[in-house]
């Protein structure tokens, strides 16, 4: 199960690298890719030529709970 989760996270990150503007940005400029088999999203931001992964966020946690950890 852990291997499947890791594989899916890396697949989502690969999709972000291939198409970083494929998802709309929220009001803070963050974008996310939802994992297919697990209730998680890869949250990222795009600035100039850089994509930064901000979190792998669980869907049942409070929205944006990870923001305070990245400041």
PDB file of N, CA and C in Angstrom:
ATOM      1  N   UNK A   1       0.824  -1.194   0.000  1.00  0.00           N
ATOM      2  CA  UNK A   1       0.000   0.000   0.000  1.00  0.00           C
ATOM      3  C   UNK A   1       0.872   1.264   0.000  1.00  0.00           C
ATOM      4  N   UNK A   2       1.939   1.257   0.792  1.00  0.00           N
ATOM      5  CA  UNK A   2       2.824   2.422   0.831  1.00  0.00           C
ATOM      6  C   UNK A   2       3.493   2.639  -0.518  1.00  0.00           C
ATOM      7  N   UNK A   3       3.877   1.555  -1.182  1.00  0.00           N
ATOM      8  CA  UNK A   3       4.501   1.685  -2.507  1.00  0.00           C
ATOM      9  C   UNK A   3       3.523   2.273  -3.513  1.00  0.00           C
ATOM     10  N   UNK A   4       2.261   1.869  -3.439  1.00  0.00           N
ATOM     11  CA  UNK A   4       1.245   2.394  -4.354  1.00  0.00           C
ATOM     12  C   UNK A   4       1.023   3.883  -4.106  1.00  0.00           C
ATOM     13  N   UNK A   5       1.011   4.281  -2.844  1.00  0.00           N
ATOM     14  CA  UNK A   5       0.838   5.693  -2.506  1.00  0.00           C
ATOM     15  C   UNK A   5       2.018   6.506  -3.028  1.00  0.00           C
ATOM     16  N   UNK A   6       3.222   6.038  -2.759  1.00  0.00           N
ATOM     17  CA  UNK A   6       4.421   6.740  -3.213  1.00  0.00           C
ATOM     18  C   UNK A   6       4.425   6.866  -4.740  1.00  0.00           C
ATOM     19  N   UNK A   7       4.091   5.792  -5.429  1.00  0.00           N
ATOM     20  CA  UNK A   7       4.047   5.812  -6.891  1.00  0.00           C
ATOM     21  C   UNK A   7       3.045   6.841  -7.390  1.00  0.00           C
ATOM     22  N   UNK A   8       1.882   6.882  -6.761  1.00  0.00           N
ATOM     23  CA  UNK A   8       0.863   7.828  -7.214  1.00  0.00           C
ATOM     24  C   UNK A   8       1.263   9.277  -6.937  1.00  0.00           C
ATOM     25  N   UNK A   9       1.907   9.524  -5.796  1.00  0.00           N
ATOM     26  CA  UNK A   9       2.386  10.880  -5.501  1.00  0.00           C
ATOM     27  C   UNK A   9       3.418  11.300  -6.546  1.00  0.00           C
ATOM     28  N   UNK A  10       4.379  10.431  -6.845  1.00  0.00           N
ATOM     29  CA  UNK A  10       5.394  10.777  -7.837  1.00  0.00           C
ATOM     30  C   UNK A  10       4.803  10.931  -9.230  1.00  0.00           C
ATOM     31  N   UNK A  11       3.793  10.143  -9.558  1.00  0.00           N
ATOM     32  CA  UNK A  11       3.112  10.310 -10.850  1.00  0.00           C
ATOM     33  C   UNK A  11       2.438  11.682 -10.928  1.00  0.00           C
ATOM     34  N   UNK A  12       1.792  12.096  -9.837  1.00  0.00           N
ATOM     35  CA  UNK A  12       1.144  13.414  -9.807  1.00  0.00           C
ATOM     36  C   UNK A  12       2.186  14.522  -9.949  1.00  0.00           C
ATOM     37  N   UNK A  13       3.322  14.367  -9.276  1.00  0.00           N
ATOM     38  CA  UNK A  13       4.388  15.365  -9.385  1.00  0.00           C
ATOM     39  C   UNK A  13       4.931  15.412 -10.812  1.00  0.00           C
ATOM     40  N   UNK A  14       5.053  14.259 -11.450  1.00  0.00           N
ATOM     41  CA  UNK A  14       5.481  14.238 -12.851  1.00  0.00           C
ATOM     42  C   UNK A  14       4.491  14.979 -13.736  1.00  0.00           C
ATOM     43  N   UNK A  15       3.179  14.793 -13.485  1.00  0.00           N
ATOM     44  CA  UNK A  15       2.159  15.505 -14.265  1.00  0.00           C
ATOM     45  C   UNK A  15       2.253  17.013 -14.042  1.00  0.00           C
ATOM     46  N   UNK A  16       2.542  17.410 -12.797  1.00  0.00           N
ATOM     47  CA  UNK A  16       2.726  18.836 -12.495  1.00  0.00           C
ATOM     48  C   UNK A  16       3.906  19.381 -13.294  1.00  0.00           C
ATOM     49  N   UNK A  17       5.007  18.625 -13.340  1.00  0.00           N
ATOM     50  CA  UNK A  17       6.180  19.070 -14.080  1.00  0.00           C
ATOM     51  C   UNK A  17       5.926  19.186 -15.564  1.00  0.00           C
ATOM     52  N   UNK A  18       5.095  18.310 -16.102  1.00  0.00           N
ATOM     53  CA  UNK A  18       4.776  18.316 -17.521  1.00  0.00           C
ATOM     54  C   UNK A  18       3.801  19.429 -17.881  1.00  0.00           C
ATOM     55  N   UNK A  19       2.838  19.666 -16.988  1.00  0.00           N
ATOM     56  CA  UNK A  19       1.794  20.654 -17.268  1.00  0.00           C
ATOM     57  C   UNK A  19       1.474  21.450 -16.001  1.00  0.00           C
ATOM     58  N   UNK A  20       2.366  22.340 -15.576  1.00  0.00           N
ATOM     59  CA  UNK A  20       2.157  23.047 -14.308  1.00  0.00           C
ATOM     60  C   UNK A  20       0.959  23.989 -14.306  1.00  0.00           C
ATOM     61  N   UNK A  21       0.551  24.461 -15.462  1.00  0.00           N
ATOM     62  CA  UNK A  21      -0.586  25.379 -15.529  1.00  0.00           C
ATOM     63  C   UNK A  21      -1.881  24.653 -15.890  1.00  0.00           C
ATOM     64  N   UNK A  22      -1.881  23.328 -15.787  1.00  0.00           N
ATOM     65  CA  UNK A  22      -3.049  22.518 -16.129  1.00  0.00           C
ATOM     66  C   UNK A  22      -4.208  22.676 -15.170  1.00  0.00           C
ATOM     67  N   UNK A  23      -3.933  23.141 -13.979  1.00  0.00           N
ATOM     68  CA  UNK A  23      -4.980  23.360 -12.981  1.00  0.00           C
ATOM     69  C   UNK A  23      -5.041  24.846 -12.647  1.00  0.00           C
ATOM     70  N   UNK A  24      -6.230  25.326 -12.356  1.00  0.00           N
ATOM     71  CA  UNK A  24      -6.412  26.740 -12.022  1.00  0.00           C
ATOM     72  C   UNK A  24      -5.836  27.047 -10.641  1.00  0.00           C
ATOM     73  N   UNK A  25      -5.322  28.247 -10.491  1.00  0.00           N
ATOM     74  CA  UNK A  25      -4.785  28.690  -9.208  1.00  0.00           C
ATOM     75  C   UNK A  25      -5.906  29.197  -8.315  1.00  0.00           C
ATOM     76  N   UNK A  26      -5.733  29.001  -6.991  1.00  0.00           N
ATOM     77  CA  UNK A  26      -6.692  29.564  -6.044  1.00  0.00           C
ATOM     78  C   UNK A  26      -6.333  31.030  -5.794  1.00  0.00           C
ATOM     79  N   UNK A  27      -6.984  31.659  -4.845  1.00  0.00           N
ATOM     80  CA  UNK A  27      -6.764  33.090  -4.598  1.00  0.00           C
ATOM     81  C   UNK A  27      -5.353  33.399  -4.113  1.00  0.00           C
ATOM     82  N   UNK A  28      -4.653  32.402  -3.565  1.00  0.00           N
ATOM     83  CA  UNK A  28      -3.278  32.598  -3.104  1.00  0.00           C
ATOM     84  C   UNK A  28      -2.246  32.172  -4.144  1.00  0.00           C
ATOM     85  N   UNK A  29      -2.716  31.709  -5.295  1.00  0.00           N
ATOM     86  CA  UNK A  29      -1.811  31.284  -6.351  1.00  0.00           C
ATOM     87  C   UNK A  29      -1.403  29.820  -6.273  1.00  0.00           C
ATOM     88  N   UNK A  30      -2.001  29.073  -5.359  1.00  0.00           N
ATOM     89  CA  UNK A  30      -1.686  27.648  -5.224  1.00  0.00           C
ATOM     90  C   UNK A  30      -2.542  26.829  -6.182  1.00  0.00           C
ATOM     91  N   UNK A  31      -1.980  25.745  -6.655  1.00  0.00           N
ATOM     92  CA  UNK A  31      -2.674  24.822  -7.547  1.00  0.00           C
ATOM     93  C   UNK A  31      -2.582  23.437  -6.930  1.00  0.00           C
ATOM     94  N   UNK A  32      -3.438  22.517  -7.363  1.00  0.00           N
ATOM     95  CA  UNK A  32      -3.352  21.169  -6.801  1.00  0.00           C
ATOM     96  C   UNK A  32      -3.744  20.113  -7.822  1.00  0.00           C
ATOM     97  N   UNK A  33      -3.156  18.944  -7.637  1.00  0.00           N
ATOM     98  CA  UNK A  33      -3.470  17.745  -8.427  1.00  0.00           C
ATOM     99  C   UNK A  33      -3.997  16.707  -7.459  1.00  0.00           C
ATOM    100  N   UNK A  34      -5.167  16.180  -7.731  1.00  0.00           N
ATOM    101  CA  UNK A  34      -5.782  15.167  -6.882  1.00  0.00           C
ATOM    102  C   UNK A  34      -5.237  13.796  -7.264  1.00  0.00           C
ATOM    103  N   UNK A  35      -4.882  12.999  -6.241  1.00  0.00           N
ATOM    104  CA  UNK A  35      -4.457  11.629  -6.497  1.00  0.00           C
ATOM    105  C   UNK A  35      -5.681  10.804  -6.867  1.00  0.00           C
ATOM    106  N   UNK A  36      -5.498   9.781  -7.683  1.00  0.00           N
ATOM    107  CA  UNK A  36      -6.627   8.984  -8.155  1.00  0.00           C
ATOM    108  C   UNK A  36      -7.125   7.985  -7.113  1.00  0.00           C
ATOM    109  N   UNK A  37      -6.226   7.277  -6.449  1.00  0.00           N
ATOM    110  CA  UNK A  37      -6.632   6.195  -5.559  1.00  0.00           C
ATOM    111  C   UNK A  37      -6.653   6.564  -4.083  1.00  0.00           C
ATOM    112  N   UNK A  38      -6.108   7.700  -3.732  1.00  0.00           N
ATOM    113  CA  UNK A  38      -5.982   8.081  -2.325  1.00  0.00           C
ATOM    114  C   UNK A  38      -6.588   9.463  -2.114  1.00  0.00           C
ATOM    115  N   UNK A  39      -7.099   9.739  -0.909  1.00  0.00           N
ATOM    116  CA  UNK A  39      -7.740  11.040  -0.654  1.00  0.00           C
ATOM    117  C   UNK A  39      -6.726  12.140  -0.327  1.00  0.00           C
ATOM    118  N   UNK A  40      -5.835  12.390  -1.263  1.00  0.00           N
ATOM    119  CA  UNK A  40      -4.785  13.392  -1.098  1.00  0.00           C
ATOM    120  C   UNK A  40      -4.675  14.226  -2.358  1.00  0.00           C
ATOM    121  N   UNK A  41      -4.130  15.420  -2.196  1.00  0.00           N
ATOM    122  CA  UNK A  41      -3.797  16.283  -3.319  1.00  0.00           C
ATOM    123  C   UNK A  41      -2.357  16.738  -3.175  1.00  0.00           C
ATOM    124  N   UNK A  42      -1.675  16.899  -4.293  1.00  0.00           N
ATOM    125  CA  UNK A  42      -0.359  17.514  -4.316  1.00  0.00           C
ATOM    126  C   UNK A  42      -0.591  18.995  -4.565  1.00  0.00           C
ATOM    127  N   UNK A  43      -0.229  19.822  -3.602  1.00  0.00           N
ATOM    128  CA  UNK A  43      -0.440  21.263  -3.684  1.00  0.00           C
ATOM    129  C   UNK A  43       0.883  21.910  -4.078  1.00  0.00           C
ATOM    130  N   UNK A  44       0.822  22.819  -5.058  1.00  0.00           N
ATOM    131  CA  UNK A  44       2.056  23.425  -5.553  1.00  0.00           C
ATOM    132  C   UNK A  44       1.814  24.853  -5.991  1.00  0.00           C
ATOM    133  N   UNK A  45       2.906  25.580  -6.193  1.00  0.00           N
ATOM    134  CA  UNK A  45       2.835  26.928  -6.744  1.00  0.00           C
ATOM    135  C   UNK A  45       3.831  27.042  -7.888  1.00  0.00           C
ATOM    136  N   UNK A  46       3.526  27.925  -8.809  1.00  0.00           N
ATOM    137  CA  UNK A  46       4.397  28.164  -9.948  1.00  0.00           C
ATOM    138  C   UNK A  46       4.831  29.622  -9.898  1.00  0.00           C
ATOM    139  N   UNK A  47       6.141  29.843  -9.876  1.00  0.00           N
ATOM    140  CA  UNK A  47       6.692  31.197  -9.915  1.00  0.00           C
ATOM    141  C   UNK A  47       7.776  31.224 -10.977  1.00  0.00           C
ATOM    142  N   UNK A  48       7.611  32.083 -11.951  1.00  0.00           N
ATOM    143  CA  UNK A  48       8.522  32.194 -13.090  1.00  0.00           C
ATOM    144  C   UNK A  48       8.799  30.812 -13.681  1.00  0.00           C
ATOM    145  N   UNK A  49      10.003  30.286 -13.554  1.00  0.00           N
ATOM    146  CA  UNK A  49      10.352  28.986 -14.123  1.00  0.00           C
ATOM    147  C   UNK A  49      10.451  27.887 -13.070  1.00  0.00           C
ATOM    148  N   UNK A  50       9.866  28.106 -11.895  1.00  0.00           N
ATOM    149  CA  UNK A  50      10.008  27.162 -10.790  1.00  0.00           C
ATOM    150  C   UNK A  50       8.658  26.651 -10.324  1.00  0.00           C
ATOM    151  N   UNK A  51       8.577  25.352 -10.121  1.00  0.00           N
ATOM    152  CA  UNK A  51       7.409  24.730  -9.514  1.00  0.00           C
ATOM    153  C   UNK A  51       7.840  24.251  -8.126  1.00  0.00           C
ATOM    154  N   UNK A  52       7.121  24.691  -7.096  1.00  0.00           N
ATOM    155  CA  UNK A  52       7.432  24.297  -5.724  1.00  0.00           C
ATOM    156  C   UNK A  52       6.272  23.483  -5.169  1.00  0.00           C
ATOM    157  N   UNK A  53       6.567  22.262  -4.728  1.00  0.00           N
ATOM    158  CA  UNK A  53       5.556  21.428  -4.071  1.00  0.00           C
ATOM    159  C   UNK A  53       5.425  21.928  -2.646  1.00  0.00           C
ATOM    160  N   UNK A  54       4.226  22.339  -2.272  1.00  0.00           N
ATOM    161  CA  UNK A  54       3.989  22.888  -0.938  1.00  0.00           C
ATOM    162  C   UNK A  54       3.528  21.832   0.055  1.00  0.00           C
ATOM    163  N   UNK A  55       2.751  20.860  -0.437  1.00  0.00           N
ATOM    164  CA  UNK A  55       2.203  19.859   0.484  1.00  0.00           C
ATOM    165  C   UNK A  55       1.630  18.686  -0.284  1.00  0.00           C
ATOM    166  N   UNK A  56       1.557  17.567   0.387  1.00  0.00           N
ATOM    167  CA  UNK A  56       0.731  16.445  -0.033  1.00  0.00           C
ATOM    168  C   UNK A  56      -0.345  16.404   1.043  1.00  0.00           C
ATOM    169  N   UNK A  57      -1.495  16.983   0.721  1.00  0.00           N
ATOM    170  CA  UNK A  57      -2.527  17.282   1.709  1.00  0.00           C
ATOM    171  C   UNK A  57      -3.666  16.259   1.681  1.00  0.00           C
ATOM    172  N   UNK A  58      -4.028  15.781   2.853  1.00  0.00           N
ATOM    173  CA  UNK A  58      -5.149  14.841   2.994  1.00  0.00           C
ATOM    174  C   UNK A  58      -6.466  15.599   2.870  1.00  0.00           C
ATOM    175  N   UNK A  59      -7.441  15.029   2.207  1.00  0.00           N
ATOM    176  CA  UNK A  59      -8.721  15.697   1.958  1.00  0.00           C
ATOM    177  C   UNK A  59      -9.587  15.845   3.201  1.00  0.00           C
ATOM    178  N   UNK A  60      -9.363  15.045   4.223  1.00  0.00           N
ATOM    179  CA  UNK A  60     -10.200  15.147   5.423  1.00  0.00           C
ATOM    180  C   UNK A  60      -9.656  16.130   6.452  1.00  0.00           C
ATOM    181  N   UNK A  61      -8.478  16.638   6.236  1.00  0.00           N
ATOM    182  CA  UNK A  61      -7.937  17.642   7.138  1.00  0.00           C
ATOM    183  C   UNK A  61      -8.578  18.980   6.797  1.00  0.00           C
ATOM    184  N   UNK A  62      -8.456  19.934   7.696  1.00  0.00           N
ATOM    185  CA  UNK A  62      -8.989  21.262   7.422  1.00  0.00           C
ATOM    186  C   UNK A  62      -8.304  21.856   6.201  1.00  0.00           C
ATOM    187  N   UNK A  63      -9.042  22.520   5.323  1.00  0.00           N
ATOM    188  CA  UNK A  63      -8.415  23.120   4.143  1.00  0.00           C
ATOM    189  C   UNK A  63      -7.302  24.087   4.554  1.00  0.00           C
ATOM    190  N   UNK A  64      -6.160  23.952   3.926  1.00  0.00           N
ATOM    191  CA  UNK A  64      -5.052  24.864   4.193  1.00  0.00           C
ATOM    192  C   UNK A  64      -4.297  24.613   5.480  1.00  0.00           C
ATOM    193  N   UNK A  65      -4.538  23.486   6.166  1.00  0.00           N
ATOM    194  CA  UNK A  65      -3.855  23.210   7.434  1.00  0.00           C
ATOM    195  C   UNK A  65      -2.340  23.220   7.278  1.00  0.00           C
ATOM    196  N   UNK A  66      -1.863  22.909   6.129  1.00  0.00           N
ATOM    197  CA  UNK A  66      -0.423  22.816   5.866  1.00  0.00           C
ATOM    198  C   UNK A  66       0.217  24.179   5.689  1.00  0.00           C
ATOM    199  N   UNK A  67      -0.569  25.225   5.452  1.00  0.00           N
ATOM    200  CA  UNK A  67       0.001  26.553   5.194  1.00  0.00           C
ATOM    201  C   UNK A  67       0.861  27.058   6.336  1.00  0.00           C
ATOM    202  N   UNK A  68       0.417  26.868   7.562  1.00  0.00           N
ATOM    203  CA  UNK A  68       1.186  27.376   8.715  1.00  0.00           C
ATOM    204  C   UNK A  68       2.506  26.646   8.858  1.00  0.00           C
ATOM    205  N   UNK A  69       2.621  25.432   8.331  1.00  0.00           N
ATOM    206  CA  UNK A  69       3.859  24.668   8.419  1.00  0.00           C
ATOM    207  C   UNK A  69       4.888  25.136   7.405  1.00  0.00           C
ATOM    208  N   UNK A  70       4.458  25.844   6.352  1.00  0.00           N
ATOM    209  CA  UNK A  70       5.365  26.280   5.289  1.00  0.00           C
ATOM    210  C   UNK A  70       5.804  27.729   5.431  1.00  0.00           C
ATOM    211  N   UNK A  71       5.437  28.399   6.484  1.00  0.00           N
ATOM    212  CA  UNK A  71       5.786  29.821   6.618  1.00  0.00           C
ATOM    213  C   UNK A  71       7.005  30.006   7.472  1.00  0.00           C
TER     214      UNK A  71
END
